[in-house]
Amino acid sequence: MSKHGKLARRIAKPILGAGLALLLSGCATLPLAGGVIVGANILGGLSTDYLYYSPPSPEPDAGPDAIVTGFITAGTGPQNDYAIAREYLAEDLKSVWSPNDEVLIQSQKGNLSFETPNLAHYDASIQATVTSDGEYSAVAKGTVRSLDFKLIKQGGQWRISEAPNLTLVIKPVFDVIFRSYSVYFFDKQFKYLVPDLRWFPSRASTGTRLVNAILDGPSPWLAPGVRSAVPQGTSLAIDAVTIEQSVAIVDLDAKVLEADLLRRKYLKAQLSATLTQLSTVKSVAVQIDHSPQDIPDYRVPSVPTSSYTPVALVADDLLHIGSGASSSVVGAKALIAKLGATDFALNSDESRIALLGPRGLFQASTNSIGSTPQLADSRLDLLAPCFDSQGYLWAISKTGFSSIDAVSANGDHVKVHAPWLANFRRVSFDISSEGTRAIFVVRSASGTQLLLSSVVRDSLGVPVSLSKPVSIVTDAENPQSISWVDSLSIAVVDRAVGAATSWPTILTVGGKERKLAALNSVKAVAASNTDSSVYALTDSGEIYRYDVYNWNKIDSAIQAVHFSG
């Protein structure tokens, strides 16, 4: 796409009053110019390609420096398929330049240099990239991409004859132009929808790009753990998703006929969940080669949600805390007295409990009085356990090759294969609410990392393996504890070795991160559903809840804290 050296130069024409306020508050360092244009709401699906920024066209007789800089700046204007940026290109390049192949997000101003008047180099310091499918990836600090441009004179005017197929924007501009969307796929059993976060410019064509993202399939790291109802090779019969009276019309080619009616219902569910994120879309109609299809709606089961109230392990009991009077988890007190628990887990309806203590990991039913706990895992170096949405109890050791056991309610053991995990010392882990994704904090000689993997299951929902992970690039230098907040966000505690100050942070999978207020001596974090349900446990046993801007102490003498489920 376009480049960006002096991109922050002429940012003009905010569409709405709300958009202007966003520019003034979020991009205060960027100069503003031009009048106000009233247009569509960019937070939804658009019927036009008006956007916040209107970059300038080339000036007559502009030199090579101004042409390259102007082209880079024009990456702020995706309207009409980057029509302004194309004005800087030579005639042979205008129609073949592909600006949607990649977006580079600059961390600071780049450096433009010329080897000759015809050959320019732009060194871009970047902090993240976005692929043509909208996949956002943070990159390591200090990453530099070198971009080359060739120029020629046409009609006496300098124009660019060769340019990379990408655009380049600064972070404040990206935050205004781009919006995140979940592209939905199913778990292996076609039971739950799983979000795959993507980033696209808010344009009239956003619906089309979202559907193409579904047709192209999930991100590589997620693919082993999910399924799509789309027959491989299916494409749009018309490369456009039209919206009529709040109905998104998706016209697919005949390849989709390979799917039976049930699969087509699943496909419609994927399309509906994805496209109804656009404010202009209320429902979806599917066509095959321009022929309307009568596909019934499929009601996707809701993912088991965690409680909004955390559960804390105290000296002799498990207590619901955080809102009003504390209440005990039924049956827990007697089990704790018997096992001397130091950590625990509860399934979503609190009918099963897992207790970790000096004799290993035990599980029991809380529905029957005097339930006898079963030994689930005798290893003594286990991380805090957790239950997944399929009812399996996960037991992961801190070291060792055969490190993962999943235990069913009746005590059957399943070995979950993850040979890549043997190279690390495990610090913390958690399984997402629908059971398809696992997040780890691990350490090795090269440092501490956050690793994200998909959970591969068989047709019955039995976990089989963890796919090769991807590393999440983060500003956190020494993560200590991790917890899923919701389907897309993770809470992590960053605490330097030997330091007291801790930085709880919210990370978006496939997106950005946001530091919360600092808090001293945090050793563990627990989260559920929203940012207002993030709890931090300190070394001294105090527990705090995050409330908008600050941490509020709500209890003390706590050994461990988790949410059920």
Protein backbone atom coordinates (compact mmCIF):
# COMPACT_ATOMS: atom_id res chain seq x y z
CA MET A 1 0.00 0.00 0.00
CA SER A 2 1.10 3.57 0.58
CA LYS A 3 3.96 4.70 2.66
CA HIS A 4 4.24 7.20 5.40
CA GLY A 5 7.05 9.53 6.33
CA LYS A 6 5.22 12.79 6.90
CA LEU A 7 1.85 11.11 7.08
CA ALA A 8 0.85 13.24 10.01
CA ARG A 9 0.82 16.29 7.79
CA ARG A 10 -2.57 16.94 6.36
CA ILE A 11 -5.25 15.09 8.18
CA ALA A 12 -8.52 16.54 7.16
CA LYS A 13 -12.24 16.24 6.95
CA PRO A 14 -13.55 14.38 9.96
CA ILE A 15 -16.90 12.97 8.99
CA LEU A 16 -18.90 13.36 12.20
CA GLY A 17 -18.72 15.50 15.28
CA ALA A 18 -17.93 12.34 17.22
CA GLY A 19 -15.17 11.56 14.77
CA LEU A 20 -13.70 15.02 15.25
CA ALA A 21 -13.72 14.55 19.01
CA LEU A 22 -11.88 11.25 18.56
CA LEU A 23 -9.24 12.92 16.43
CA LEU A 24 -8.77 15.73 18.91
CA SER A 25 -8.49 13.41 21.89
CA GLY A 26 -6.69 10.41 20.36
CA CYS A 27 -4.48 12.18 17.82
CA ALA A 28 -3.74 15.45 19.56
CA THR A 29 -0.25 15.63 18.09
CA LEU A 30 -1.55 15.50 14.52
CA PRO A 31 -2.33 18.82 12.77
CA LEU A 32 -5.88 19.18 11.52
CA ALA A 33 -7.09 21.05 8.46
CA GLY A 34 -10.16 21.33 6.27
CA GLY A 35 -13.87 21.47 6.84
CA VAL A 36 -16.34 19.06 8.34
CA ILE A 37 -18.07 16.63 5.97
CA VAL A 38 -21.19 14.82 7.15
CA GLY A 39 -21.12 11.19 6.11
CA ALA A 40 -21.87 7.64 7.14
CA ASN A 41 -21.15 6.16 10.55
CA ILE A 42 -17.72 4.57 10.12
CA LEU A 43 -18.32 2.19 13.00
CA GLY A 44 -20.69 0.13 10.91
CA GLY A 45 -21.05 -1.05 7.35
CA LEU A 46 -20.75 1.83 4.91
CA SER A 47 -22.67 2.56 1.75
CA THR A 48 -20.00 5.01 0.59
CA ASP A 49 -16.24 5.21 0.91
CA TYR A 50 -16.01 8.49 2.82
CA LEU A 51 -13.54 8.24 5.68
CA TYR A 52 -11.84 10.48 8.17
CA TYR A 53 -8.83 11.41 6.07
CA SER A 54 -8.62 13.11 2.68
CA PRO A 55 -4.96 13.11 1.62
CA PRO A 56 -3.79 15.64 -1.01
CA SER A 57 -3.23 14.91 -4.70
CA PRO A 58 0.23 15.46 -6.22
CA GLU A 59 1.24 19.08 -6.67
CA PRO A 60 2.21 20.12 -10.22
CA ASP A 61 5.95 19.83 -10.86
CA ALA A 62 6.54 18.17 -7.47
CA GLY A 63 10.01 16.68 -7.00
CA PRO A 64 10.77 13.01 -6.28
CA ASP A 65 10.90 13.66 -2.51
CA ALA A 66 7.40 15.19 -2.49
CA ILE A 67 6.01 12.44 -4.70
CA VAL A 68 7.24 9.59 -2.48
CA THR A 69 6.25 11.42 0.70
CA GLY A 70 2.83 12.22 -0.73
CA PHE A 71 2.30 8.63 -1.78
CA ILE A 72 3.19 7.41 1.69
CA THR A 73 0.85 9.97 3.23
CA ALA A 74 -1.99 8.88 0.94
CA GLY A 75 -2.10 5.57 2.80
CA THR A 76 -4.49 7.40 5.15
CA GLY A 77 -7.16 7.45 2.44
CA PRO A 78 -8.52 3.99 1.57
CA GLN A 79 -11.68 5.48 0.02
CA ASN A 80 -12.32 4.47 -3.58
CA ASP A 81 -9.59 1.83 -3.32
CA TYR A 82 -6.88 4.35 -2.44
CA ALA A 83 -7.67 6.54 -5.44
CA ILE A 84 -5.52 9.45 -4.23
CA ALA A 85 -2.49 7.22 -3.63
CA ARG A 86 -2.81 5.88 -7.19
CA GLU A 87 -2.47 9.43 -8.54
CA TYR A 88 1.19 9.31 -7.48
CA LEU A 89 1.81 6.18 -9.55
CA ALA A 90 2.91 5.77 -13.15
CA GLU A 91 0.19 4.64 -15.54
CA ASP A 92 1.48 1.05 -15.76
CA LEU A 93 1.45 0.69 -11.97
CA LYS A 94 -1.89 2.34 -11.13
CA SER A 95 -4.07 -0.65 -11.90
CA VAL A 96 -1.76 -3.40 -10.58
CA TRP A 97 -0.59 -1.86 -7.29
CA SER A 98 -2.23 -3.88 -4.49
CA PRO A 99 -2.57 -1.72 -1.36
CA ASN A 100 -4.51 -4.32 0.65
CA ASP A 101 -1.71 -6.89 0.67
CA GLU A 102 -0.21 -5.55 3.90
CA VAL A 103 -0.39 -2.65 6.34
CA LEU A 104 2.70 -1.54 8.28
CA ILE A 105 2.02 0.36 11.50
CA GLN A 106 4.85 2.76 12.28
CA SER A 107 6.16 3.25 15.79
CA GLN A 108 7.92 6.47 14.82
CA LYS A 109 8.71 8.61 11.82
CA GLY A 110 10.68 6.79 9.13
CA ASN A 111 13.70 7.90 7.13
CA LEU A 112 13.46 8.68 3.42
CA SER A 113 16.66 8.76 1.34
CA PHE A 114 17.54 8.82 -2.36
CA GLU A 115 20.30 6.87 -4.07
CA THR A 116 19.48 8.72 -7.32
CA PRO A 117 16.47 10.90 -8.26
CA ASN A 118 14.93 7.69 -9.66
CA LEU A 119 15.59 5.38 -6.68
CA ALA A 120 14.31 6.04 -3.14
CA HIS A 121 14.59 4.06 0.09
CA TYR A 122 12.27 4.39 3.06
CA ASP A 123 13.31 2.80 6.38
CA ALA A 124 10.17 2.29 8.46
CA SER A 125 10.32 1.57 12.18
CA ILE A 126 7.25 -0.59 12.74
CA GLN A 127 5.43 -1.99 15.73
CA ALA A 128 2.83 -4.18 14.00
CA THR A 129 1.65 -5.51 10.65
CA VAL A 130 -1.75 -6.38 9.20
CA THR A 131 -2.01 -8.99 6.44
CA SER A 132 -4.38 -8.96 3.47
CA ASP A 133 -6.71 -11.18 5.52
CA GLY A 134 -6.71 -8.63 8.34
CA GLU A 135 -4.45 -10.60 10.70
CA TYR A 136 -2.75 -8.23 13.15
CA SER A 137 0.69 -9.13 14.48
CA ALA A 138 2.84 -7.11 16.84
CA VAL A 139 6.56 -7.21 16.04
CA ALA A 140 9.62 -6.97 18.24
CA LYS A 141 10.83 -3.54 19.34
CA GLY A 142 13.32 -2.04 16.94
CA THR A 143 11.98 -3.82 13.86
CA VAL A 144 12.77 -1.88 10.67
CA ARG A 145 11.41 -2.56 7.19
CA SER A 146 13.31 -1.11 4.23
CA LEU A 147 11.04 -0.16 1.31
CA ASP A 148 12.26 0.65 -2.18
CA PHE A 149 10.66 2.96 -4.76
CA LYS A 150 11.53 3.67 -8.36
CA LEU A 151 10.42 6.84 -10.13
CA ILE A 152 10.08 7.97 -13.75
CA LYS A 153 8.86 11.10 -15.49
CA GLN A 154 5.57 10.93 -17.36
CA GLY A 155 4.27 14.02 -19.16
CA GLY A 156 6.97 16.02 -17.44
CA GLN A 157 5.82 14.93 -13.94
CA TRP A 158 7.60 12.61 -11.51
CA ARG A 159 5.61 9.46 -10.79
CA ILE A 160 6.38 6.18 -8.97
CA SER A 161 6.95 3.24 -11.32
CA GLU A 162 7.71 0.59 -8.68
CA ALA A 163 6.35 0.44 -5.12
CA PRO A 164 5.71 -2.27 -2.53
CA ASN A 165 2.19 -3.69 -2.34
CA LEU A 166 1.31 -2.25 1.05
CA THR A 167 0.35 0.90 2.91
CA LEU A 168 2.04 2.39 5.93
CA VAL A 169 0.36 4.41 8.69
CA ILE A 170 1.22 5.74 12.12
CA LYS A 171 -0.53 4.26 15.14
CA PRO A 172 -3.00 7.12 15.82
CA VAL A 173 -4.13 7.01 12.19
CA PHE A 174 -4.51 3.22 12.28
CA ASP A 175 -6.71 3.53 15.36
CA VAL A 176 -9.07 5.84 13.47
CA ILE A 177 -9.15 4.19 10.02
CA PHE A 178 -9.13 0.52 11.04
CA ARG A 179 -11.57 -1.42 13.14
CA SER A 180 -11.36 -4.92 14.54
CA TYR A 181 -13.90 -7.59 13.58
CA SER A 182 -14.32 -11.19 14.65
CA VAL A 183 -14.37 -13.67 11.79
CA TYR A 184 -16.18 -16.74 13.13
CA PHE A 185 -15.41 -20.42 12.72
CA PHE A 186 -16.68 -23.48 14.59
CA ASP A 187 -14.94 -25.76 17.02
CA LYS A 188 -14.27 -29.30 15.83
CA GLN A 189 -17.72 -30.51 16.88
CA PHE A 190 -19.61 -27.65 15.21
CA LYS A 191 -20.81 -26.80 18.70
CA TYR A 192 -19.45 -23.32 19.49
CA LEU A 193 -18.43 -20.36 17.37
CA VAL A 194 -14.83 -19.26 17.80
CA PRO A 195 -13.68 -15.70 16.98
CA ASP A 196 -10.63 -15.01 14.83
CA LEU A 197 -9.86 -11.29 15.17
CA ARG A 198 -9.17 -9.34 11.97
CA TRP A 199 -8.56 -5.67 11.17
CA PHE A 200 -9.99 -3.85 8.15
CA PRO A 201 -10.48 -0.22 7.13
CA SER A 202 -14.05 0.96 7.74
CA ARG A 203 -15.23 1.10 4.13
CA ALA A 204 -18.18 0.12 1.96
CA SER A 205 -16.23 -3.04 1.05
CA THR A 206 -15.69 -4.22 4.63
CA GLY A 207 -18.51 -6.78 4.38
CA THR A 208 -16.91 -8.27 1.28
CA ARG A 209 -13.53 -8.55 2.98
CA LEU A 210 -15.12 -10.21 6.01
CA VAL A 211 -16.82 -12.85 3.84
CA ASN A 212 -13.62 -13.47 1.90
CA ALA A 213 -11.83 -13.95 5.23
CA ILE A 214 -14.33 -16.69 6.11
CA LEU A 215 -13.90 -18.32 2.70
CA ASP A 216 -10.10 -18.21 3.01
CA GLY A 217 -10.22 -19.95 6.39
CA PRO A 218 -8.86 -19.35 9.89
CA SER A 219 -5.47 -17.96 10.86
CA PRO A 220 -2.74 -20.64 10.59
CA TRP A 221 -2.21 -20.94 14.35
CA LEU A 222 -5.96 -21.41 14.99
CA ALA A 223 -6.73 -23.70 12.04
CA PRO A 224 -5.85 -27.05 13.71
CA GLY A 225 -8.43 -26.45 16.46
CA VAL A 226 -11.42 -25.20 14.46
CA ARG A 227 -13.57 -26.05 11.44
CA SER A 228 -15.40 -24.09 8.78
CA ALA A 229 -18.60 -25.15 7.06
CA VAL A 230 -17.31 -23.66 3.80
CA PRO A 231 -16.37 -26.30 1.18
CA GLN A 232 -12.76 -25.75 0.18
CA GLY A 233 -12.49 -23.63 -2.96
CA THR A 234 -15.78 -21.79 -2.48
CA SER A 235 -15.72 -18.16 -3.60
CA LEU A 236 -18.12 -15.28 -4.10
CA ALA A 237 -20.10 -15.46 -7.34
CA ILE A 238 -19.98 -11.67 -7.35
CA ASP A 239 -17.04 -10.11 -5.55
CA ALA A 240 -19.25 -7.90 -3.43
CA VAL A 241 -21.52 -8.31 -0.45
CA THR A 242 -24.51 -6.02 -0.92
CA ILE A 243 -26.68 -4.69 1.88
CA GLU A 244 -30.37 -4.06 1.20
CA GLN A 245 -32.73 -2.97 3.98
CA SER A 246 -30.33 -4.27 6.65
CA VAL A 247 -29.96 -7.65 4.94
CA ALA A 248 -26.47 -8.66 3.79
CA ILE A 249 -26.74 -10.64 0.54
CA VAL A 250 -23.91 -13.14 0.14
CA ASP A 251 -23.80 -14.67 -3.34
CA LEU A 252 -21.60 -17.79 -3.42
CA ASP A 253 -20.55 -19.91 -6.37
CA ALA A 254 -21.76 -23.46 -7.05
CA LYS A 255 -18.87 -25.00 -5.08
CA VAL A 256 -20.91 -24.44 -1.92
CA LEU A 257 -23.42 -27.06 -3.16
CA GLU A 258 -20.97 -29.68 -1.90
CA ALA A 259 -22.21 -28.84 1.60
CA ASP A 260 -25.41 -30.57 2.73
CA LEU A 261 -28.25 -28.58 4.30
CA LEU A 262 -26.87 -28.91 7.83
CA ARG A 263 -23.45 -27.62 6.74
CA ARG A 264 -25.15 -24.74 4.92
CA LYS A 265 -26.94 -23.87 8.16
CA TYR A 266 -23.56 -23.82 9.88
CA LEU A 267 -22.15 -21.64 7.10
CA LYS A 268 -25.04 -19.21 7.40
CA ALA A 269 -24.38 -19.06 11.16
CA GLN A 270 -20.72 -18.16 10.50
CA LEU A 271 -21.76 -15.48 8.02
CA SER A 272 -24.44 -14.07 10.33
CA ALA A 273 -22.22 -13.88 13.40
CA THR A 274 -19.52 -12.16 11.36
CA LEU A 275 -21.56 -9.72 9.26
CA THR A 276 -23.99 -8.57 11.95
CA GLN A 277 -21.06 -6.81 13.61
CA LEU A 278 -21.68 -4.15 10.95
CA SER A 279 -24.28 -1.69 12.24
CA THR A 280 -26.09 -1.72 8.90
CA VAL A 281 -26.62 -5.51 8.93
CA LYS A 282 -29.38 -7.21 10.90
CA SER A 283 -29.54 -10.52 9.02
CA VAL A 284 -27.95 -12.48 6.17
CA ALA A 285 -29.41 -13.97 2.98
CA VAL A 286 -27.41 -16.56 1.04
CA GLN A 287 -27.54 -16.97 -2.72
CA ILE A 288 -25.85 -19.58 -4.91
CA ASP A 289 -24.98 -18.32 -8.38
CA HIS A 290 -27.56 -15.52 -7.98
CA SER A 291 -30.31 -17.93 -6.89
CA PRO A 292 -31.80 -17.19 -3.41
CA GLN A 293 -31.51 -20.06 -0.94
CA ASP A 294 -33.98 -20.97 1.79
CA ILE A 295 -31.51 -21.92 4.53
CA PRO A 296 -33.01 -22.11 8.04
CA ASP A 297 -31.22 -20.27 10.83
CA TYR A 298 -29.07 -22.38 13.13
CA ARG A 299 -29.15 -21.46 16.78
CA VAL A 300 -25.57 -21.74 17.99
CA PRO A 301 -25.31 -22.90 21.63
CA SER A 302 -23.97 -20.29 24.02
CA VAL A 303 -20.47 -20.89 25.32
CA PRO A 304 -20.51 -21.76 29.04
CA THR A 305 -19.72 -18.48 30.75
CA SER A 306 -17.76 -18.02 33.91
CA SER A 307 -19.33 -16.46 36.93
CA TYR A 308 -18.91 -12.72 37.47
CA THR A 309 -18.02 -13.50 41.09
CA PRO A 310 -14.60 -15.00 41.80
CA VAL A 311 -13.98 -17.84 44.20
CA ALA A 312 -11.17 -17.59 46.74
CA LEU A 313 -9.33 -20.28 48.68
CA VAL A 314 -8.93 -19.31 52.33
CA ALA A 315 -7.44 -21.38 55.12
CA ASP A 316 -10.29 -23.91 55.33
CA ASP A 317 -12.91 -23.07 52.70
CA LEU A 318 -13.76 -21.82 49.20
CA LEU A 319 -15.68 -18.54 49.25
CA HIS A 320 -17.50 -16.51 46.62
CA ILE A 321 -16.20 -12.99 47.13
CA GLY A 322 -16.40 -9.54 45.63
CA SER A 323 -20.09 -8.66 45.84
CA GLY A 324 -21.87 -8.48 49.15
CA ALA A 325 -21.54 -11.20 51.76
CA SER A 326 -19.26 -14.10 50.99
CA SER A 327 -20.76 -17.55 50.55
CA SER A 328 -19.13 -20.96 50.64
CA VAL A 329 -18.90 -23.38 47.72
CA VAL A 330 -21.08 -26.33 48.69
CA GLY A 331 -19.07 -29.33 49.89
CA ALA A 332 -15.69 -27.61 49.63
CA LYS A 333 -14.92 -27.19 53.32
CA ALA A 334 -14.81 -30.89 54.14
CA LEU A 335 -12.70 -31.67 51.08
CA ILE A 336 -10.18 -28.96 51.90
CA ALA A 337 -9.85 -30.24 55.44
CA LYS A 338 -9.17 -33.73 54.09
CA LEU A 339 -6.66 -32.74 51.39
CA GLY A 340 -4.96 -29.57 52.67
CA ALA A 341 -5.45 -27.75 49.36
CA THR A 342 -3.13 -24.97 48.17
CA ASP A 343 -4.93 -24.31 44.86
CA PHE A 344 -8.15 -25.32 43.12
CA ALA A 345 -10.48 -25.21 40.10
CA LEU A 346 -14.26 -25.35 39.66
CA ASN A 347 -16.26 -26.20 36.56
CA SER A 348 -18.82 -23.68 35.27
CA ASP A 349 -21.79 -24.89 37.32
CA GLU A 350 -19.61 -25.73 40.35
CA SER A 351 -20.71 -29.36 40.30
CA ARG A 352 -17.08 -30.51 40.17
CA ILE A 353 -14.13 -29.33 42.18
CA ALA A 354 -10.42 -29.94 41.76
CA LEU A 355 -8.04 -29.44 44.68
CA LEU A 356 -4.27 -29.29 44.43
CA GLY A 357 -2.31 -30.13 47.55
CA PRO A 358 0.74 -31.90 48.97
CA ARG A 359 -0.50 -35.30 47.72
CA GLY A 360 -1.29 -34.21 44.17
CA LEU A 361 -4.43 -33.17 42.31
CA PHE A 362 -7.82 -34.56 43.36
CA GLN A 363 -11.30 -34.07 41.92
CA ALA A 364 -14.71 -34.62 43.47
CA SER A 365 -18.39 -33.93 42.94
CA THR A 366 -19.94 -31.15 45.01
CA ASN A 367 -23.47 -32.45 44.39
CA SER A 368 -23.24 -35.40 46.77
CA ILE A 369 -22.63 -35.00 50.48
CA GLY A 370 -19.44 -36.71 51.64
CA SER A 371 -18.17 -37.20 48.09
CA THR A 372 -14.92 -39.14 48.04
CA PRO A 373 -12.19 -37.29 46.13
CA GLN A 374 -10.47 -39.14 43.28
CA LEU A 375 -6.76 -38.80 42.64
CA ALA A 376 -6.52 -37.14 39.23
CA ASP A 377 -2.74 -36.62 39.08
CA SER A 378 -0.03 -37.61 41.57
CA ARG A 379 2.63 -35.22 40.28
CA LEU A 380 3.72 -32.64 42.84
CA ASP A 381 4.89 -29.87 40.49
CA LEU A 382 1.57 -29.01 38.83
CA LEU A 383 0.40 -25.56 37.79
CA ALA A 384 -2.99 -24.34 38.97
CA PRO A 385 -5.53 -26.69 37.30
CA CYS A 386 -8.54 -25.69 35.21
CA PHE A 387 -11.68 -27.26 33.73
CA ASP A 388 -12.57 -26.80 30.06
CA SER A 389 -15.97 -26.46 28.36
CA GLN A 390 -16.03 -30.19 27.57
CA GLY A 391 -15.67 -31.11 31.23
CA TYR A 392 -12.02 -32.14 31.18
CA LEU A 393 -9.71 -31.23 34.05
CA TRP A 394 -6.33 -30.05 32.78
CA ALA A 395 -3.21 -30.93 34.77
CA ILE A 396 0.07 -29.49 33.51
CA SER A 397 3.43 -29.90 35.20
CA LYS A 398 5.95 -27.09 35.45
CA THR A 399 8.65 -29.18 33.76
CA GLY A 400 8.99 -32.49 31.97
CA PHE A 401 8.16 -33.94 28.57
CA SER A 402 4.92 -35.83 29.27
CA SER A 403 3.46 -32.78 30.87
CA ILE A 404 -0.25 -32.58 30.03
CA ASP A 405 -3.05 -34.80 31.32
CA ALA A 406 -6.75 -34.16 30.71
CA VAL A 407 -9.00 -36.02 33.15
CA SER A 408 -12.69 -36.70 32.54
CA ALA A 409 -15.40 -36.65 35.20
CA ASN A 410 -15.18 -40.43 35.63
CA GLY A 411 -11.40 -40.33 36.04
CA ASP A 412 -10.31 -41.39 32.55
CA HIS A 413 -6.90 -39.94 31.65
CA VAL A 414 -6.02 -38.53 28.24
CA LYS A 415 -2.48 -37.60 27.25
CA VAL A 416 -2.51 -34.30 25.35
CA HIS A 417 0.47 -34.17 22.99
CA ALA A 418 2.48 -30.95 22.92
CA PRO A 419 6.13 -31.86 22.31
CA TRP A 420 7.05 -28.19 21.79
CA LEU A 421 6.20 -27.53 25.43
CA ALA A 422 9.09 -29.72 26.64
CA ASN A 423 11.54 -26.95 25.76
CA PHE A 424 10.10 -24.60 28.36
CA ARG A 425 9.50 -24.23 32.05
CA ARG A 426 5.78 -23.53 32.44
CA VAL A 427 4.72 -20.64 34.67
CA SER A 428 0.97 -20.23 34.06
CA PHE A 429 -1.71 -21.37 31.60
CA ASP A 430 -5.42 -21.03 30.88
CA ILE A 431 -7.98 -22.52 28.44
CA SER A 432 -10.47 -20.29 26.62
CA SER A 433 -14.16 -20.52 27.50
CA GLU A 434 -15.15 -22.52 24.39
CA GLY A 435 -12.15 -24.83 24.84
CA THR A 436 -10.35 -24.28 21.52
CA ARG A 437 -7.41 -22.09 22.59
CA ALA A 438 -4.70 -22.36 25.24
CA ILE A 439 -2.45 -19.56 26.46
CA PHE A 440 0.84 -20.14 28.30
CA VAL A 441 3.49 -18.18 30.14
CA VAL A 442 6.75 -20.08 29.62
CA ARG A 443 10.43 -19.54 30.37
CA SER A 444 13.61 -20.68 28.69
CA ALA A 445 17.22 -19.55 28.38
CA SER A 446 16.08 -16.90 25.91
CA GLY A 447 13.60 -15.36 28.36
CA THR A 448 9.89 -15.38 29.21
CA GLN A 449 7.25 -15.67 26.47
CA LEU A 450 3.50 -15.73 25.98
CA LEU A 451 2.55 -18.63 23.70
CA LEU A 452 -0.86 -19.14 22.10
CA SER A 453 -1.95 -22.52 20.76
CA SER A 454 -5.13 -24.14 19.47
CA VAL A 455 -6.57 -27.15 21.29
CA VAL A 456 -7.05 -30.01 18.83
CA ARG A 457 -9.94 -32.33 19.74
CA ASP A 458 -11.51 -35.38 18.15
CA SER A 459 -15.14 -35.59 17.02
CA LEU A 460 -16.25 -36.37 20.59
CA GLY A 461 -14.52 -33.32 22.06
CA VAL A 462 -11.65 -35.27 23.62
CA PRO A 463 -8.46 -33.14 23.62
CA VAL A 464 -5.75 -34.76 21.51
CA SER A 465 -2.96 -32.22 21.15
CA LEU A 466 -1.90 -28.59 21.27
CA SER A 467 -0.90 -27.17 17.90
CA LYS A 468 2.42 -25.49 17.32
CA PRO A 469 2.09 -22.16 19.11
CA VAL A 470 2.57 -18.57 18.07
CA SER A 471 4.39 -16.12 20.29
CA ILE A 472 2.48 -13.04 21.40
CA VAL A 473 4.71 -10.00 21.22
CA THR A 474 4.08 -7.82 24.25
CA ASP A 475 5.64 -5.00 26.20
CA ALA A 476 5.52 -7.24 29.28
CA GLU A 477 9.11 -8.11 30.15
CA ASN A 478 8.50 -10.82 32.75
CA PRO A 479 4.91 -12.16 32.73
CA GLN A 480 3.92 -14.05 35.88
CA SER A 481 0.28 -15.09 35.62
CA ILE A 482 -2.32 -15.23 32.87
CA SER A 483 -6.10 -15.56 32.58
CA TRP A 484 -8.66 -15.32 29.77
CA VAL A 485 -10.93 -12.30 30.25
CA ASP A 486 -13.37 -13.00 27.42
CA SER A 487 -13.28 -14.68 24.00
CA LEU A 488 -10.66 -12.25 22.67
CA SER A 489 -8.85 -10.75 25.66
CA ILE A 490 -6.28 -12.01 28.14
CA ALA A 491 -5.16 -10.55 31.46
CA VAL A 492 -1.47 -10.91 32.26
CA VAL A 493 0.68 -9.69 35.15
CA ASP A 494 4.11 -8.30 34.34
CA ARG A 495 6.56 -8.19 37.25
CA ALA A 496 10.30 -7.79 36.96
CA VAL A 497 12.49 -10.23 38.90
CA GLY A 498 13.10 -8.89 42.41
CA ALA A 499 10.76 -5.93 41.88
CA ALA A 500 7.65 -5.07 43.84
CA THR A 501 5.75 -3.08 41.22
CA SER A 502 3.51 -5.16 38.95
CA TRP A 503 1.76 -4.15 35.75
CA PRO A 504 -1.49 -6.01 35.05
CA THR A 505 -2.21 -5.73 31.33
CA ILE A 506 -5.10 -6.60 29.00
CA LEU A 507 -3.97 -8.20 25.72
CA THR A 508 -6.28 -8.70 22.75
CA VAL A 509 -5.57 -11.87 20.78
CA GLY A 510 -4.73 -10.59 17.32
CA GLY A 511 -4.84 -7.01 18.54
CA LYS A 512 -3.43 -4.50 20.96
CA GLU A 513 -2.56 -4.29 24.65
CA ARG A 514 -3.55 -1.90 27.41
CA LYS A 515 -1.76 -1.51 30.72
CA LEU A 516 -3.91 -1.17 33.82
CA ALA A 517 -2.82 0.79 36.88
CA ALA A 518 0.31 -0.52 38.62
CA LEU A 519 -0.10 -2.58 41.79
CA ASN A 520 2.59 -3.83 44.17
CA SER A 521 3.58 -7.48 44.58
CA VAL A 522 0.95 -9.18 42.39
CA LYS A 523 1.55 -12.92 42.02
CA ALA A 524 -1.63 -14.03 40.23
CA VAL A 525 -4.47 -12.64 38.16
CA ALA A 526 -8.01 -13.96 37.60
CA ALA A 527 -10.47 -12.54 35.08
CA SER A 528 -13.87 -13.24 33.61
CA ASN A 529 -16.14 -11.67 31.00
CA THR A 530 -15.19 -7.98 31.28
CA ASP A 531 -12.35 -5.66 32.26
CA SER A 532 -14.31 -4.85 35.42
CA SER A 533 -13.98 -8.48 36.49
CA VAL A 534 -10.18 -8.52 36.72
CA TYR A 535 -8.81 -9.50 40.14
CA ALA A 536 -5.22 -9.46 41.36
CA LEU A 537 -3.78 -11.48 44.24
CA THR A 538 -0.69 -10.19 46.04
CA ASP A 539 2.13 -12.02 47.79
CA SER A 540 0.62 -11.13 51.16
CA GLY A 541 -2.78 -12.64 50.31
CA GLU A 542 -4.63 -9.40 49.59
CA ILE A 543 -7.05 -9.41 46.68
CA TYR A 544 -7.89 -6.36 44.57
CA ARG A 545 -10.52 -5.69 41.93
CA TYR A 546 -9.88 -3.35 39.01
CA ASP A 547 -12.47 -0.60 38.70
CA VAL A 548 -12.08 1.67 35.63
CA TYR A 549 -8.82 3.35 36.69
CA ASN A 550 -7.82 1.99 40.10
CA TRP A 551 -7.46 -1.16 42.15
CA ASN A 552 -9.77 -1.56 45.14
CA LYS A 553 -8.91 -3.94 47.94
CA ILE A 554 -11.78 -6.31 48.67
CA ASP A 555 -10.35 -9.04 50.92
CA SER A 556 -7.25 -10.51 52.57
CA ALA A 557 -5.83 -13.82 53.82
CA ILE A 558 -6.43 -15.39 50.38
CA GLN A 559 -4.32 -18.29 49.10
CA ALA A 560 -5.65 -18.54 45.53
CA VAL A 561 -8.39 -16.99 43.42
CA HIS A 562 -10.14 -18.24 40.25
CA PHE A 563 -13.49 -18.03 38.49
CA SER A 564 -15.64 -21.12 38.14
CA GLY A 565 -15.45 -22.48 34.62
